[in-house]
All heavy atoms as atom14 arrays in JSON, in Angstrom:
{
  "sequence": "NAKNTVDLQMNSLRSEDTAVYYCNAAARGVRD",
  "atom14_mask": [
    [1, 1, 1, 1, 1, 1, 1, 1, 0, 0, 0, 0, 0, 0],
    [1, 1, 1, 1, 1, 0, 0, 0, 0, 0, 0, 0, 0, 0],
    [1, 1, 1, 1, 1, 1, 1, 1, 1, 0, 0, 0, 0, 0],
    [1, 1, 1, 1, 1, 1, 1, 1, 0, 0, 0, 0, 0, 0],
    [1, 1, 1, 1, 1, 1, 1, 0, 0, 0, 0, 0, 0, 0],
    [1, 1, 1, 1, 1, 1, 1, 0, 0, 0, 0, 0, 0, 0],
    [1, 1, 1, 1, 1, 1, 1, 1, 0, 0, 0, 0, 0, 0],
    [1, 1, 1, 1, 1, 1, 1, 1, 0, 0, 0, 0, 0, 0],
    [1, 1, 1, 1, 1, 1, 1, 1, 1, 0, 0, 0, 0, 0],
    [1, 1, 1, 1, 1, 1, 1, 1, 0, 0, 0, 0, 0, 0],
    [1, 1, 1, 1, 1, 1, 1, 1, 0, 0, 0, 0, 0, 0],
    [1, 1, 1, 1, 1, 1, 0, 0, 0, 0, 0, 0, 0, 0],
    [1, 1, 1, 1, 1, 1, 1, 1, 0, 0, 0, 0, 0, 0],
    [1, 1, 1, 1, 1, 1, 1, 1, 1, 1, 1, 0, 0, 0],
    [1, 1, 1, 1, 1, 1, 0, 0, 0, 0, 0, 0, 0, 0],
    [1, 1, 1, 1, 1, 1, 1, 1, 1, 0, 0, 0, 0, 0],
    [1, 1, 1, 1, 1, 1, 1, 1, 0, 0, 0, 0, 0, 0],
    [1, 1, 1, 1, 1, 1, 1, 0, 0, 0, 0, 0, 0, 0],
    [1, 1, 1, 1, 1, 0, 0, 0, 0, 0, 0, 0, 0, 0],
    [1, 1, 1, 1, 1, 1, 1, 0, 0, 0, 0, 0, 0, 0],
    [1, 1, 1, 1, 1, 1, 1, 1, 1, 1, 1, 1, 0, 0],
    [1, 1, 1, 1, 1, 1, 1, 1, 1, 1, 1, 1, 0, 0],
    [1, 1, 1, 1, 1, 1, 0, 0, 0, 0, 0, 0, 0, 0],
    [1, 1, 1, 1, 1, 1, 1, 1, 0, 0, 0, 0, 0, 0],
    [1, 1, 1, 1, 1, 0, 0, 0, 0, 0, 0, 0, 0, 0],
    [1, 1, 1, 1, 1, 0, 0, 0, 0, 0, 0, 0, 0, 0],
    [1, 1, 1, 1, 1, 0, 0, 0, 0, 0, 0, 0, 0, 0],
    [1, 1, 1, 1, 1, 1, 1, 1, 1, 1, 1, 0, 0, 0],
    [1, 1, 1, 1, 0, 0, 0, 0, 0, 0, 0, 0, 0, 0],
    [1, 1, 1, 1, 1, 1, 1, 0, 0, 0, 0, 0, 0, 0],
    [1, 1, 1, 1, 1, 1, 1, 1, 1, 1, 1, 0, 0, 0],
    [1, 1, 1, 1, 1, 1, 1, 1, 0, 0, 0, 0, 0, 0]
  ],
  "atom14_positions": [
    [[22.23, 8.63, -8.24], [22.25, 8.9, -9.67], [22.87, 7.75, -10.48], [22.44, 7.47, -11.59], [23.02, 10.19, -9.95], [22.3, 11.41, -9.46], [21.07, 11.48, -9.46], [23.05, 12.42, -9.03], [0.0, 0.0, 0.0], [0.0, 0.0, 0.0], [0.0, 0.0, 0.0], [0.0, 0.0, 0.0], [0.0, 0.0, 0.0], [0.0, 0.0, 0.0]],
    [[23.86, 7.11, -9.91], [24.53, 6.02, -10.62], [23.59, 4.86, -10.88], [23.65, 4.22, -11.94], [25.75, 5.57, -9.85], [0.0, 0.0, 0.0], [0.0, 0.0, 0.0], [0.0, 0.0, 0.0], [0.0, 0.0, 0.0], [0.0, 0.0, 0.0], [0.0, 0.0, 0.0], [0.0, 0.0, 0.0], [0.0, 0.0, 0.0], [0.0, 0.0, 0.0]],
    [[22.74, 4.57, -9.93], [21.81, 3.45, -10.05], [20.43, 3.87, -10.51], [19.56, 3.02, -10.71], [21.7, 2.72, -8.72], [22.99, 2.06, -8.27], [22.79, 1.3, -6.97], [24.06, 0.6, -6.53], [23.87, -0.16, -5.27], [0.0, 0.0, 0.0], [0.0, 0.0, 0.0], [0.0, 0.0, 0.0], [0.0, 0.0, 0.0], [0.0, 0.0, 0.0]],
    [[20.22, 5.16, -10.64], [18.91, 5.7, -11.02], [17.83, 5.22, -10.05], [16.77, 4.74, -10.46], [18.55, 5.32, -12.45], [17.44, 6.17, -13.02], [17.28, 7.35, -12.66], [16.65, 5.61, -13.92], [0.0, 0.0, 0.0], [0.0, 0.0, 0.0], [0.0, 0.0, 0.0], [0.0, 0.0, 0.0], [0.0, 0.0, 0.0], [0.0, 0.0, 0.0]],
    [[18.1, 5.38, -8.79], [17.16, 4.98, -7.76], [16.96, 6.1, -6.75], [17.79, 7.01, -6.63], [17.61, 3.72, -7.0], [18.83, 3.99, -6.31], [17.81, 2.55, -7.95], [0.0, 0.0, 0.0], [0.0, 0.0, 0.0], [0.0, 0.0, 0.0], [0.0, 0.0, 0.0], [0.0, 0.0, 0.0], [0.0, 0.0, 0.0], [0.0, 0.0, 0.0]],
    [[15.87, 6.02, -6.05], [15.63, 6.84, -4.88], [15.52, 5.89, -3.69], [14.7, 4.98, -3.69], [14.36, 7.69, -5.01], [14.04, 8.39, -3.69], [14.55, 8.73, -6.11], [0.0, 0.0, 0.0], [0.0, 0.0, 0.0], [0.0, 0.0, 0.0], [0.0, 0.0, 0.0], [0.0, 0.0, 0.0], [0.0, 0.0, 0.0], [0.0, 0.0, 0.0]],
    [[16.36, 6.12, -2.71], [16.46, 5.2, -1.59], [15.88, 5.81, -0.32], [15.87, 7.03, -0.15], [17.92, 4.82, -1.34], [18.56, 4.16, -2.55], [17.84, 3.53, -3.34], [19.8, 4.27, -2.69], [0.0, 0.0, 0.0], [0.0, 0.0, 0.0], [0.0, 0.0, 0.0], [0.0, 0.0, 0.0], [0.0, 0.0, 0.0], [0.0, 0.0, 0.0]],
    [[15.42, 4.95, 0.54], [14.91, 5.37, 1.83], [15.62, 4.56, 2.9], [15.39, 3.36, 3.04], [13.4, 5.16, 1.93], [12.74, 5.66, 3.22], [12.77, 7.18, 3.27], [11.3, 5.16, 3.32], [0.0, 0.0, 0.0], [0.0, 0.0, 0.0], [0.0, 0.0, 0.0], [0.0, 0.0, 0.0], [0.0, 0.0, 0.0], [0.0, 0.0, 0.0]],
    [[16.52, 5.23, 3.61], [17.21, 4.6, 4.72], [16.35, 4.76, 5.96], [16.03, 5.88, 6.36], [18.58, 5.24, 4.94], [19.36, 4.68, 6.11], [19.76, 3.24, 5.91], [20.23, 2.87, 4.83], [19.56, 2.41, 6.93], [0.0, 0.0, 0.0], [0.0, 0.0, 0.0], [0.0, 0.0, 0.0], [0.0, 0.0, 0.0], [0.0, 0.0, 0.0]],
    [[16.0, 3.65, 6.56], [15.12, 3.65, 7.72], [15.88, 3.1, 8.92], [16.28, 1.94, 8.93], [13.87, 2.81, 7.45], [13.11, 3.23, 6.19], [11.53, 2.36, 6.0], [12.13, 0.68, 5.8], [0.0, 0.0, 0.0], [0.0, 0.0, 0.0], [0.0, 0.0, 0.0], [0.0, 0.0, 0.0], [0.0, 0.0, 0.0], [0.0, 0.0, 0.0]],
    [[16.07, 3.95, 9.9], [16.76, 3.57, 11.12], [15.82, 3.65, 12.31], [14.76, 4.27, 12.24], [17.97, 4.48, 11.36], [19.0, 4.42, 10.26], [19.21, 3.37, 9.66], [19.65, 5.54, 9.99], [0.0, 0.0, 0.0], [0.0, 0.0, 0.0], [0.0, 0.0, 0.0], [0.0, 0.0, 0.0], [0.0, 0.0, 0.0], [0.0, 0.0, 0.0]],
    [[16.24, 3.04, 13.39], [15.45, 3.05, 14.63], [14.0, 2.68, 14.38], [13.07, 3.35, 14.84], [15.55, 4.44, 15.28], [16.89, 4.78, 15.56], [0.0, 0.0, 0.0], [0.0, 0.0, 0.0], [0.0, 0.0, 0.0], [0.0, 0.0, 0.0], [0.0, 0.0, 0.0], [0.0, 0.0, 0.0], [0.0, 0.0, 0.0], [0.0, 0.0, 0.0]],
    [[13.82, 1.61, 13.66], [12.47, 1.21, 13.27], [11.63, 0.8, 14.46], [12.12, 0.21, 15.42], [12.54, 0.08, 12.25], [12.94, 0.53, 10.84], [13.41, -0.65, 10.0], [11.76, 1.24, 10.16], [0.0, 0.0, 0.0], [0.0, 0.0, 0.0], [0.0, 0.0, 0.0], [0.0, 0.0, 0.0], [0.0, 0.0, 0.0], [0.0, 0.0, 0.0]],
    [[10.36, 1.12, 14.36], [9.38, 0.81, 15.39], [8.29, -0.06, 14.82], [8.1, -0.13, 13.61], [8.77, 2.11, 15.93], [9.78, 3.15, 16.39], [9.13, 4.51, 16.52], [10.07, 5.53, 16.96], [9.83, 6.83, 16.91], [8.67, 7.28, 16.46], [10.75, 7.69, 17.33], [0.0, 0.0, 0.0], [0.0, 0.0, 0.0], [0.0, 0.0, 0.0]],
    [[7.55, -0.7, 15.69], [6.48, -1.57, 15.24], [5.45, -0.8, 14.41], [4.87, -1.35, 13.47], [5.8, -2.26, 16.42], [5.24, -1.31, 17.31], [0.0, 0.0, 0.0], [0.0, 0.0, 0.0], [0.0, 0.0, 0.0], [0.0, 0.0, 0.0], [0.0, 0.0, 0.0], [0.0, 0.0, 0.0], [0.0, 0.0, 0.0], [0.0, 0.0, 0.0]],
    [[5.24, 0.46, 14.75], [4.28, 1.26, 14.01], [4.74, 1.64, 12.61], [3.98, 2.22, 11.84], [3.89, 2.52, 14.8], [5.08, 3.37, 15.23], [5.51, 3.09, 16.66], [5.51, 1.92, 17.07], [5.84, 4.06, 17.37], [0.0, 0.0, 0.0], [0.0, 0.0, 0.0], [0.0, 0.0, 0.0], [0.0, 0.0, 0.0], [0.0, 0.0, 0.0]],
    [[5.99, 1.34, 12.29], [6.47, 1.53, 10.93], [6.07, 0.38, 10.01], [6.3, 0.46, 8.8], [7.99, 1.68, 10.91], [8.47, 2.93, 11.63], [7.84, 4.0, 11.45], [9.48, 2.85, 12.36], [0.0, 0.0, 0.0], [0.0, 0.0, 0.0], [0.0, 0.0, 0.0], [0.0, 0.0, 0.0], [0.0, 0.0, 0.0], [0.0, 0.0, 0.0]],
    [[5.51, -0.66, 10.58], [5.08, -1.79, 9.77], [4.01, -1.36, 8.76], [3.0, -0.77, 9.12], [4.52, -2.9, 10.67], [5.56, -3.4, 11.51], [3.96, -4.05, 9.85], [0.0, 0.0, 0.0], [0.0, 0.0, 0.0], [0.0, 0.0, 0.0], [0.0, 0.0, 0.0], [0.0, 0.0, 0.0], [0.0, 0.0, 0.0], [0.0, 0.0, 0.0]],
    [[4.26, -1.64, 7.51], [3.36, -1.24, 6.44], [3.89, -1.76, 5.12], [5.02, -2.23, 5.02], [3.23, 0.29, 6.38], [0.0, 0.0, 0.0], [0.0, 0.0, 0.0], [0.0, 0.0, 0.0], [0.0, 0.0, 0.0], [0.0, 0.0, 0.0], [0.0, 0.0, 0.0], [0.0, 0.0, 0.0], [0.0, 0.0, 0.0], [0.0, 0.0, 0.0]],
    [[3.05, -1.65, 4.11], [3.53, -1.8, 2.75], [4.03, -0.44, 2.29], [3.29, 0.55, 2.38], [2.45, -2.32, 1.8], [2.97, -2.41, 0.38], [1.95, -3.69, 2.26], [0.0, 0.0, 0.0], [0.0, 0.0, 0.0], [0.0, 0.0, 0.0], [0.0, 0.0, 0.0], [0.0, 0.0, 0.0], [0.0, 0.0, 0.0], [0.0, 0.0, 0.0]],
    [[5.24, -0.4, 1.83], [5.84, 0.85, 1.39], [5.81, 0.93, -0.13], [6.21, -0.01, -0.83], [7.28, 0.96, 1.89], [7.36, 1.33, 3.35], [6.98, 0.41, 4.33], [7.8, 2.58, 3.76], [7.03, 0.75, 5.67], [7.86, 2.93, 5.09], [7.47, 2.01, 6.05], [7.53, 2.35, 7.38], [0.0, 0.0, 0.0], [0.0, 0.0, 0.0]],
    [[5.32, 2.05, -0.63], [5.16, 2.26, -2.06], [6.0, 3.44, -2.53], [6.09, 4.46, -1.84], [3.7, 2.55, -2.41], [2.74, 1.44, -2.11], [2.1, 1.37, -0.88], [2.45, 0.47, -3.06], [1.2, 0.36, -0.6], [1.55, -0.55, -2.79], [0.93, -0.6, -1.55], [0.04, -1.61, -1.29], [0.0, 0.0, 0.0], [0.0, 0.0, 0.0]],
    [[6.56, 3.29, -3.68], [7.25, 4.39, -4.33], [6.33, 5.04, -5.35], [5.61, 4.36, -6.07], [8.52, 3.86, -5.03], [9.53, 5.15, -5.78], [0.0, 0.0, 0.0], [0.0, 0.0, 0.0], [0.0, 0.0, 0.0], [0.0, 0.0, 0.0], [0.0, 0.0, 0.0], [0.0, 0.0, 0.0], [0.0, 0.0, 0.0], [0.0, 0.0, 0.0]],
    [[6.35, 6.35, -5.38], [5.55, 7.11, -6.31], [6.41, 8.14, -7.03], [7.18, 8.85, -6.39], [4.4, 7.82, -5.59], [3.64, 8.78, -6.49], [4.01, 9.95, -6.61], [2.6, 8.28, -7.12], [0.0, 0.0, 0.0], [0.0, 0.0, 0.0], [0.0, 0.0, 0.0], [0.0, 0.0, 0.0], [0.0, 0.0, 0.0], [0.0, 0.0, 0.0]],
    [[6.26, 8.19, -8.32], [6.97, 9.19, -9.1], [5.96, 10.11, -9.78], [5.06, 9.64, -10.47], [7.86, 8.53, -10.15], [0.0, 0.0, 0.0], [0.0, 0.0, 0.0], [0.0, 0.0, 0.0], [0.0, 0.0, 0.0], [0.0, 0.0, 0.0], [0.0, 0.0, 0.0], [0.0, 0.0, 0.0], [0.0, 0.0, 0.0], [0.0, 0.0, 0.0]],
    [[6.1, 11.39, -9.54], [5.29, 12.39, -10.21], [6.09, 12.91, -11.39], [7.15, 13.5, -11.21], [4.93, 13.52, -9.25], [0.0, 0.0, 0.0], [0.0, 0.0, 0.0], [0.0, 0.0, 0.0], [0.0, 0.0, 0.0], [0.0, 0.0, 0.0], [0.0, 0.0, 0.0], [0.0, 0.0, 0.0], [0.0, 0.0, 0.0], [0.0, 0.0, 0.0]],
    [[5.57, 12.66, -12.58], [6.34, 12.96, -13.79], [5.49, 13.69, -14.8], [4.3, 13.38, -14.98], [6.88, 11.66, -14.4], [0.0, 0.0, 0.0], [0.0, 0.0, 0.0], [0.0, 0.0, 0.0], [0.0, 0.0, 0.0], [0.0, 0.0, 0.0], [0.0, 0.0, 0.0], [0.0, 0.0, 0.0], [0.0, 0.0, 0.0], [0.0, 0.0, 0.0]],
    [[6.11, 14.63, -15.47], [5.43, 15.41, -16.47], [5.85, 14.94, -17.86], [7.04, 14.85, -18.16], [5.75, 16.9, -16.3], [4.87, 17.83, -17.12], [5.2, 19.29, -16.85], [5.04, 19.63, -15.45], [3.89, 19.94, -14.87], [2.76, 19.94, -15.57], [3.86, 20.24, -13.58], [0.0, 0.0, 0.0], [0.0, 0.0, 0.0], [0.0, 0.0, 0.0]],
    [[4.88, 14.64, -18.7], [5.16, 14.2, -20.04], [5.81, 15.28, -20.87], [5.35, 16.43, -20.88], [0.0, 0.0, 0.0], [0.0, 0.0, 0.0], [0.0, 0.0, 0.0], [0.0, 0.0, 0.0], [0.0, 0.0, 0.0], [0.0, 0.0, 0.0], [0.0, 0.0, 0.0], [0.0, 0.0, 0.0], [0.0, 0.0, 0.0], [0.0, 0.0, 0.0]],
    [[6.88, 14.93, -21.54], [7.58, 15.92, -22.35], [6.78, 16.31, -23.58], [6.98, 17.4, -24.14], [8.97, 15.41, -22.77], [9.84, 15.18, -21.54], [8.87, 14.14, -23.59], [0.0, 0.0, 0.0], [0.0, 0.0, 0.0], [0.0, 0.0, 0.0], [0.0, 0.0, 0.0], [0.0, 0.0, 0.0], [0.0, 0.0, 0.0], [0.0, 0.0, 0.0]],
    [[5.88, 15.45, -24.0], [5.09, 15.72, -25.19], [3.83, 16.53, -24.89], [3.52, 17.49, -25.62], [4.7, 14.42, -25.89], [4.0, 14.61, -27.22], [3.91, 13.32, -27.99], [3.29, 13.51, -29.29], [3.19, 12.56, -30.2], [3.68, 11.35, -29.95], [2.62, 12.82, -31.37], [0.0, 0.0, 0.0], [0.0, 0.0, 0.0], [0.0, 0.0, 0.0]],
    [[3.11, 16.17, -23.86], [1.87, 16.85, -23.55], [1.93, 17.72, -22.3], [0.98, 18.47, -22.05], [0.71, 15.85, -23.45], [0.91, 14.8, -22.36], [1.79, 14.99, -21.5], [0.18, 13.8, -22.38], [0.0, 0.0, 0.0], [0.0, 0.0, 0.0], [0.0, 0.0, 0.0], [0.0, 0.0, 0.0], [0.0, 0.0, 0.0], [0.0, 0.0, 0.0]]
  ]
}
């Protein structure tokens, strides 16, 4: 909350974890 971030701690990484990682926010417009 202090940094206004969502973090992903990844431990015990494997080769199959190799990828481009994307963040997605689902947000509802306050106006519409």
